[in-house]
């Protein structure tokens, strides 16, 4: 298992950090979007929920740019 993880880290994450970051960001964005749609369907969405949803993408891009 360690060899598989090491090969993944050395083969993908270290060679393509921007691609890996994009995958993480968009997966996070997908899950927050699904949560937002769930709240809209239940009728308990507020303006702050919508702002937080779209603001999260900008914050995560900022963190990735800062780290990389």
PDB file of N, CA and C in Angstrom:
ATOM      1  N   UNK A   1       0.820  -1.193   0.000  1.00  0.00           N
ATOM      2  CA  UNK A   1       0.000   0.000   0.000  1.00  0.00           C
ATOM      3  C   UNK A   1       0.870   1.265   0.000  1.00  0.00           C
ATOM      4  N   UNK A   2       1.972   1.231   0.756  1.00  0.00           N
ATOM      5  CA  UNK A   2       2.863   2.393   0.794  1.00  0.00           C
ATOM      6  C   UNK A   2       3.477   2.668  -0.573  1.00  0.00           C
ATOM      7  N   UNK A   3       3.815   1.609  -1.288  1.00  0.00           N
ATOM      8  CA  UNK A   3       4.401   1.782  -2.612  1.00  0.00           C
ATOM      9  C   UNK A   3       3.392   2.416  -3.557  1.00  0.00           C
ATOM     10  N   UNK A   4       2.157   2.000  -3.492  1.00  0.00           N
ATOM     11  CA  UNK A   4       1.122   2.594  -4.344  1.00  0.00           C
ATOM     12  C   UNK A   4       0.963   4.071  -4.023  1.00  0.00           C
ATOM     13  N   UNK A   5       0.911   4.404  -2.738  1.00  0.00           N
ATOM     14  CA  UNK A   5       0.775   5.805  -2.342  1.00  0.00           C
ATOM     15  C   UNK A   5       1.999   6.618  -2.772  1.00  0.00           C
ATOM     16  N   UNK A   6       3.196   6.069  -2.572  1.00  0.00           N
ATOM     17  CA  UNK A   6       4.415   6.772  -2.945  1.00  0.00           C
ATOM     18  C   UNK A   6       4.472   6.983  -4.456  1.00  0.00           C
ATOM     19  N   UNK A   7       4.080   5.981  -5.226  1.00  0.00           N
ATOM     20  CA  UNK A   7       4.055   6.125  -6.679  1.00  0.00           C
ATOM     21  C   UNK A   7       3.049   7.188  -7.109  1.00  0.00           C
ATOM     22  N   UNK A   8       1.912   7.232  -6.425  1.00  0.00           N
ATOM     23  CA  UNK A   8       0.906   8.249  -6.736  1.00  0.00           C
ATOM     24  C   UNK A   8       1.421   9.645  -6.419  1.00  0.00           C
ATOM     25  N   UNK A   9       2.039   9.780  -5.244  1.00  0.00           N
ATOM     26  CA  UNK A   9       2.561  11.097  -4.846  1.00  0.00           C
ATOM     27  C   UNK A   9       3.684  11.527  -5.775  1.00  0.00           C
ATOM     28  N   UNK A  10       4.627  10.647  -6.025  1.00  0.00           N
ATOM     29  CA  UNK A  10       5.765  11.001  -6.880  1.00  0.00           C
ATOM     30  C   UNK A  10       5.364  11.115  -8.349  1.00  0.00           C
ATOM     31  N   UNK A  11       4.441  10.284  -8.770  1.00  0.00           N
ATOM     32  CA  UNK A  11       4.081  10.250 -10.180  1.00  0.00           C
ATOM     33  C   UNK A  11       3.070  11.291 -10.595  1.00  0.00           C
ATOM     34  N   UNK A  12       2.199  11.668  -9.719  1.00  0.00           N
ATOM     35  CA  UNK A  12       1.142  12.592 -10.122  1.00  0.00           C
ATOM     36  C   UNK A  12       1.193  13.913  -9.381  1.00  0.00           C
ATOM     37  N   UNK A  13       1.161  13.853  -8.063  1.00  0.00           N
ATOM     38  CA  UNK A  13       1.069  15.090  -7.275  1.00  0.00           C
ATOM     39  C   UNK A  13       2.309  15.951  -7.448  1.00  0.00           C
ATOM     40  N   UNK A  14       3.482  15.369  -7.378  1.00  0.00           N
ATOM     41  CA  UNK A  14       4.701  16.170  -7.479  1.00  0.00           C
ATOM     42  C   UNK A  14       4.988  16.634  -8.910  1.00  0.00           C
ATOM     43  N   UNK A  15       4.545  15.867  -9.898  1.00  0.00           N
ATOM     44  CA  UNK A  15       4.780  16.263 -11.285  1.00  0.00           C
ATOM     45  C   UNK A  15       3.717  17.234 -11.795  1.00  0.00           C
ATOM     46  N   UNK A  16       2.505  17.141 -11.247  1.00  0.00           N
ATOM     47  CA  UNK A  16       1.390  17.971 -11.719  1.00  0.00           C
ATOM     48  C   UNK A  16       0.648  18.606 -10.537  1.00  0.00           C
ATOM     49  N   UNK A  17       1.290  19.483  -9.774  1.00  0.00           N
ATOM     50  CA  UNK A  17       0.621  20.048  -8.597  1.00  0.00           C
ATOM     51  C   UNK A  17      -0.575  20.936  -8.953  1.00  0.00           C
ATOM     52  N   UNK A  18      -0.524  21.635 -10.069  1.00  0.00           N
ATOM     53  CA  UNK A  18      -1.650  22.490 -10.462  1.00  0.00           C
ATOM     54  C   UNK A  18      -2.863  21.650 -10.830  1.00  0.00           C
ATOM     55  N   UNK A  19      -2.644  20.555 -11.507  1.00  0.00           N
ATOM     56  CA  UNK A  19      -3.753  19.672 -11.868  1.00  0.00           C
ATOM     57  C   UNK A  19      -4.366  19.034 -10.631  1.00  0.00           C
ATOM     58  N   UNK A  20      -3.519  18.596  -9.717  1.00  0.00           N
ATOM     59  CA  UNK A  20      -4.025  18.019  -8.471  1.00  0.00           C
ATOM     60  C   UNK A  20      -4.819  19.052  -7.672  1.00  0.00           C
ATOM     61  N   UNK A  21      -4.319  20.272  -7.614  1.00  0.00           N
ATOM     62  CA  UNK A  21      -5.025  21.345  -6.908  1.00  0.00           C
ATOM     63  C   UNK A  21      -6.376  21.618  -7.547  1.00  0.00           C
ATOM     64  N   UNK A  22      -6.405  21.636  -8.870  1.00  0.00           N
ATOM     65  CA  UNK A  22      -7.670  21.872  -9.566  1.00  0.00           C
ATOM     66  C   UNK A  22      -8.688  20.780  -9.271  1.00  0.00           C
ATOM     67  N   UNK A  23      -8.245  19.543  -9.226  1.00  0.00           N
ATOM     68  CA  UNK A  23      -9.148  18.442  -8.912  1.00  0.00           C
ATOM     69  C   UNK A  23      -9.723  18.606  -7.511  1.00  0.00           C
ATOM     70  N   UNK A  24      -8.881  18.929  -6.544  1.00  0.00           N
ATOM     71  CA  UNK A  24      -9.345  19.127  -5.168  1.00  0.00           C
ATOM     72  C   UNK A  24     -10.320  20.294  -5.090  1.00  0.00           C
ATOM     73  N   UNK A  25      -9.998  21.396  -5.751  1.00  0.00           N
ATOM     74  CA  UNK A  25     -10.859  22.584  -5.711  1.00  0.00           C
ATOM     75  C   UNK A  25     -12.216  22.286  -6.317  1.00  0.00           C
ATOM     76  N   UNK A  26     -12.238  21.676  -7.472  1.00  0.00           N
ATOM     77  CA  UNK A  26     -13.515  21.442  -8.126  1.00  0.00           C
ATOM     78  C   UNK A  26     -14.325  20.351  -7.452  1.00  0.00           C
ATOM     79  N   UNK A  27     -13.683  19.388  -6.825  1.00  0.00           N
ATOM     80  CA  UNK A  27     -14.437  18.422  -6.021  1.00  0.00           C
ATOM     81  C   UNK A  27     -15.092  19.111  -4.825  1.00  0.00           C
ATOM     82  N   UNK A  28     -14.345  19.999  -4.180  1.00  0.00           N
ATOM     83  CA  UNK A  28     -14.919  20.764  -3.073  1.00  0.00           C
ATOM     84  C   UNK A  28     -16.081  21.614  -3.561  1.00  0.00           C
ATOM     85  N   UNK A  29     -15.886  22.261  -4.705  1.00  0.00           N
ATOM     86  CA  UNK A  29     -16.933  23.103  -5.267  1.00  0.00           C
ATOM     87  C   UNK A  29     -18.159  22.267  -5.637  1.00  0.00           C
ATOM     88  N   UNK A  30     -17.959  21.057  -6.159  1.00  0.00           N
ATOM     89  CA  UNK A  30     -19.070  20.167  -6.485  1.00  0.00           C
ATOM     90  C   UNK A  30     -19.877  19.824  -5.236  1.00  0.00           C
ATOM     91  N   UNK A  31     -19.189  19.468  -4.153  1.00  0.00           N
ATOM     92  CA  UNK A  31     -19.901  19.093  -2.933  1.00  0.00           C
ATOM     93  C   UNK A  31     -20.626  20.276  -2.304  1.00  0.00           C
ATOM     94  N   UNK A  32     -20.026  21.466  -2.363  1.00  0.00           N
ATOM     95  CA  UNK A  32     -20.725  22.625  -1.817  1.00  0.00           C
ATOM     96  C   UNK A  32     -21.916  22.996  -2.690  1.00  0.00           C
ATOM     97  N   UNK A  33     -21.807  22.794  -4.004  1.00  0.00           N
ATOM     98  CA  UNK A  33     -22.935  23.058  -4.895  1.00  0.00           C
ATOM     99  C   UNK A  33     -24.076  22.086  -4.620  1.00  0.00           C
ATOM    100  N   UNK A  34     -23.745  20.820  -4.420  1.00  0.00           N
ATOM    101  CA  UNK A  34     -24.786  19.841  -4.095  1.00  0.00           C
ATOM    102  C   UNK A  34     -25.474  20.198  -2.783  1.00  0.00           C
ATOM    103  N   UNK A  35     -24.699  20.663  -1.814  1.00  0.00           N
ATOM    104  CA  UNK A  35     -25.279  21.089  -0.540  1.00  0.00           C
ATOM    105  C   UNK A  35     -26.182  22.300  -0.731  1.00  0.00           C
ATOM    106  N   UNK A  36     -25.766  23.230  -1.568  1.00  0.00           N
ATOM    107  CA  UNK A  36     -26.591  24.412  -1.843  1.00  0.00           C
ATOM    108  C   UNK A  36     -27.894  24.018  -2.525  1.00  0.00           C
ATOM    109  N   UNK A  37     -27.830  23.125  -3.503  1.00  0.00           N
ATOM    110  CA  UNK A  37     -29.051  22.678  -4.169  1.00  0.00           C
ATOM    111  C   UNK A  37     -29.979  21.956  -3.205  1.00  0.00           C
ATOM    112  N   UNK A  38     -29.402  21.197  -2.280  1.00  0.00           N
ATOM    113  CA  UNK A  38     -30.207  20.508  -1.269  1.00  0.00           C
ATOM    114  C   UNK A  38     -30.932  21.532  -0.400  1.00  0.00           C
ATOM    115  N   UNK A  39     -30.230  22.594   0.002  1.00  0.00           N
ATOM    116  CA  UNK A  39     -30.854  23.638   0.819  1.00  0.00           C
ATOM    117  C   UNK A  39     -31.937  24.376   0.049  1.00  0.00           C
ATOM    118  N   UNK A  40     -31.697  24.619  -1.252  1.00  0.00           N
ATOM    119  CA  UNK A  40     -32.703  25.287  -2.081  1.00  0.00           C
ATOM    120  C   UNK A  40     -33.944  24.411  -2.192  1.00  0.00           C
ATOM    121  N   UNK A  41     -33.756  23.122  -2.375  1.00  0.00           N
ATOM    122  CA  UNK A  41     -34.889  22.192  -2.495  1.00  0.00           C
ATOM    123  C   UNK A  41     -35.689  22.145  -1.204  1.00  0.00           C
ATOM    124  N   UNK A  42     -35.012  22.203  -0.061  1.00  0.00           N
ATOM    125  CA  UNK A  42     -35.693  22.191   1.230  1.00  0.00           C
ATOM    126  C   UNK A  42     -36.299  23.544   1.573  1.00  0.00           C
ATOM    127  N   UNK A  43     -35.869  24.578   0.859  1.00  0.00           N
ATOM    128  CA  UNK A  43     -36.430  25.908   1.079  1.00  0.00           C
ATOM    129  C   UNK A  43     -35.823  26.652   2.250  1.00  0.00           C
ATOM    130  N   UNK A  44     -34.626  26.277   2.669  1.00  0.00           N
ATOM    131  CA  UNK A  44     -34.012  26.938   3.825  1.00  0.00           C
ATOM    132  C   UNK A  44     -32.734  27.674   3.438  1.00  0.00           C
ATOM    133  N   UNK A  45     -32.668  28.141   2.193  1.00  0.00           N
ATOM    134  CA  UNK A  45     -31.477  28.847   1.721  1.00  0.00           C
ATOM    135  C   UNK A  45     -31.598  30.329   2.065  1.00  0.00           C
ATOM    136  N   UNK A  46     -30.470  30.899   2.418  1.00  0.00           N
ATOM    137  CA  UNK A  46     -30.443  32.323   2.723  1.00  0.00           C
ATOM    138  C   UNK A  46     -29.406  33.004   1.830  1.00  0.00           C
ATOM    139  N   UNK A  47     -29.396  34.308   1.857  1.00  0.00           N
ATOM    140  CA  UNK A  47     -28.432  35.058   1.058  1.00  0.00           C
ATOM    141  C   UNK A  47     -27.004  34.725   1.497  1.00  0.00           C
ATOM    142  N   UNK A  48     -26.803  34.543   2.781  1.00  0.00           N
ATOM    143  CA  UNK A  48     -25.460  34.221   3.258  1.00  0.00           C
ATOM    144  C   UNK A  48     -25.003  32.843   2.778  1.00  0.00           C
ATOM    145  N   UNK A  49     -25.920  31.893   2.623  1.00  0.00           N
ATOM    146  CA  UNK A  49     -25.553  30.583   2.074  1.00  0.00           C
ATOM    147  C   UNK A  49     -25.055  30.716   0.640  1.00  0.00           C
ATOM    148  N   UNK A  50     -25.747  31.510  -0.150  1.00  0.00           N
ATOM    149  CA  UNK A  50     -25.351  31.702  -1.539  1.00  0.00           C
ATOM    150  C   UNK A  50     -24.008  32.419  -1.605  1.00  0.00           C
ATOM    151  N   UNK A  51     -23.832  33.453  -0.795  1.00  0.00           N
ATOM    152  CA  UNK A  51     -22.559  34.181  -0.781  1.00  0.00           C
ATOM    153  C   UNK A  51     -21.424  33.266  -0.338  1.00  0.00           C
ATOM    154  N   UNK A  52     -21.647  32.487   0.694  1.00  0.00           N
ATOM    155  CA  UNK A  52     -20.617  31.577   1.195  1.00  0.00           C
ATOM    156  C   UNK A  52     -20.249  30.537   0.145  1.00  0.00           C
ATOM    157  N   UNK A  53     -21.236  30.064  -0.598  1.00  0.00           N
ATOM    158  CA  UNK A  53     -20.977  29.064  -1.628  1.00  0.00           C
ATOM    159  C   UNK A  53     -20.053  29.612  -2.705  1.00  0.00           C
ATOM    160  N   UNK A  54     -20.364  30.746  -3.260  1.00  0.00           N
ATOM    161  CA  UNK A  54     -19.545  31.280  -4.340  1.00  0.00           C
ATOM    162  C   UNK A  54     -18.250  31.892  -3.821  1.00  0.00           C
ATOM    163  N   UNK A  55     -18.257  32.364  -2.605  1.00  0.00           N
ATOM    164  CA  UNK A  55     -17.053  32.918  -2.013  1.00  0.00           C
ATOM    165  C   UNK A  55     -16.025  31.823  -1.722  1.00  0.00           C
ATOM    166  N   UNK A  56     -16.486  30.630  -1.440  1.00  0.00           N
ATOM    167  CA  UNK A  56     -15.567  29.533  -1.115  1.00  0.00           C
ATOM    168  C   UNK A  56     -14.638  29.214  -2.266  1.00  0.00           C
ATOM    169  N   UNK A  57     -15.114  29.312  -3.491  1.00  0.00           N
ATOM    170  CA  UNK A  57     -14.258  29.029  -4.626  1.00  0.00           C
ATOM    171  C   UNK A  57     -13.115  30.037  -4.709  1.00  0.00           C
ATOM    172  N   UNK A  58     -13.411  31.297  -4.480  1.00  0.00           N
ATOM    173  CA  UNK A  58     -12.372  32.322  -4.515  1.00  0.00           C
ATOM    174  C   UNK A  58     -11.354  32.132  -3.399  1.00  0.00           C
ATOM    175  N   UNK A  59     -11.827  31.787  -2.204  1.00  0.00           N
ATOM    176  CA  UNK A  59     -10.906  31.574  -1.081  1.00  0.00           C
ATOM    177  C   UNK A  59      -9.982  30.393  -1.350  1.00  0.00           C
ATOM    178  N   UNK A  60     -10.522  29.318  -1.882  1.00  0.00           N
ATOM    179  CA  UNK A  60      -9.690  28.139  -2.130  1.00  0.00           C
ATOM    180  C   UNK A  60      -8.677  28.418  -3.237  1.00  0.00           C
ATOM    181  N   UNK A  61      -9.075  29.140  -4.287  1.00  0.00           N
ATOM    182  CA  UNK A  61      -8.105  29.504  -5.318  1.00  0.00           C
ATOM    183  C   UNK A  61      -7.000  30.360  -4.710  1.00  0.00           C
ATOM    184  N   UNK A  62      -7.362  31.266  -3.827  1.00  0.00           N
ATOM    185  CA  UNK A  62      -6.362  32.105  -3.168  1.00  0.00           C
ATOM    186  C   UNK A  62      -5.384  31.292  -2.348  1.00  0.00           C
ATOM    187  N   UNK A  63      -5.896  30.300  -1.637  1.00  0.00           N
ATOM    188  CA  UNK A  63      -5.033  29.438  -0.818  1.00  0.00           C
ATOM    189  C   UNK A  63      -4.085  28.651  -1.712  1.00  0.00           C
ATOM    190  N   UNK A  64      -4.594  28.117  -2.812  1.00  0.00           N
ATOM    191  CA  UNK A  64      -3.750  27.327  -3.696  1.00  0.00           C
ATOM    192  C   UNK A  64      -2.671  28.203  -4.326  1.00  0.00           C
ATOM    193  N   UNK A  65      -3.038  29.396  -4.748  1.00  0.00           N
ATOM    194  CA  UNK A  65      -2.041  30.289  -5.341  1.00  0.00           C
ATOM    195  C   UNK A  65      -0.979  30.654  -4.313  1.00  0.00           C
ATOM    196  N   UNK A  66      -1.400  30.876  -3.083  1.00  0.00           N
ATOM    197  CA  UNK A  66      -0.462  31.205  -2.011  1.00  0.00           C
ATOM    198  C   UNK A  66       0.480  30.055  -1.705  1.00  0.00           C
ATOM    199  N   UNK A  67      -0.043  28.838  -1.676  1.00  0.00           N
ATOM    200  CA  UNK A  67       0.770  27.654  -1.350  1.00  0.00           C
ATOM    201  C   UNK A  67       1.701  27.291  -2.492  1.00  0.00           C
ATOM    202  N   UNK A  68       1.191  27.300  -3.705  1.00  0.00           N
ATOM    203  CA  UNK A  68       2.033  26.891  -4.866  1.00  0.00           C
ATOM    204  C   UNK A  68       2.920  28.030  -5.228  1.00  0.00           C
TER     205      UNK A  68
END
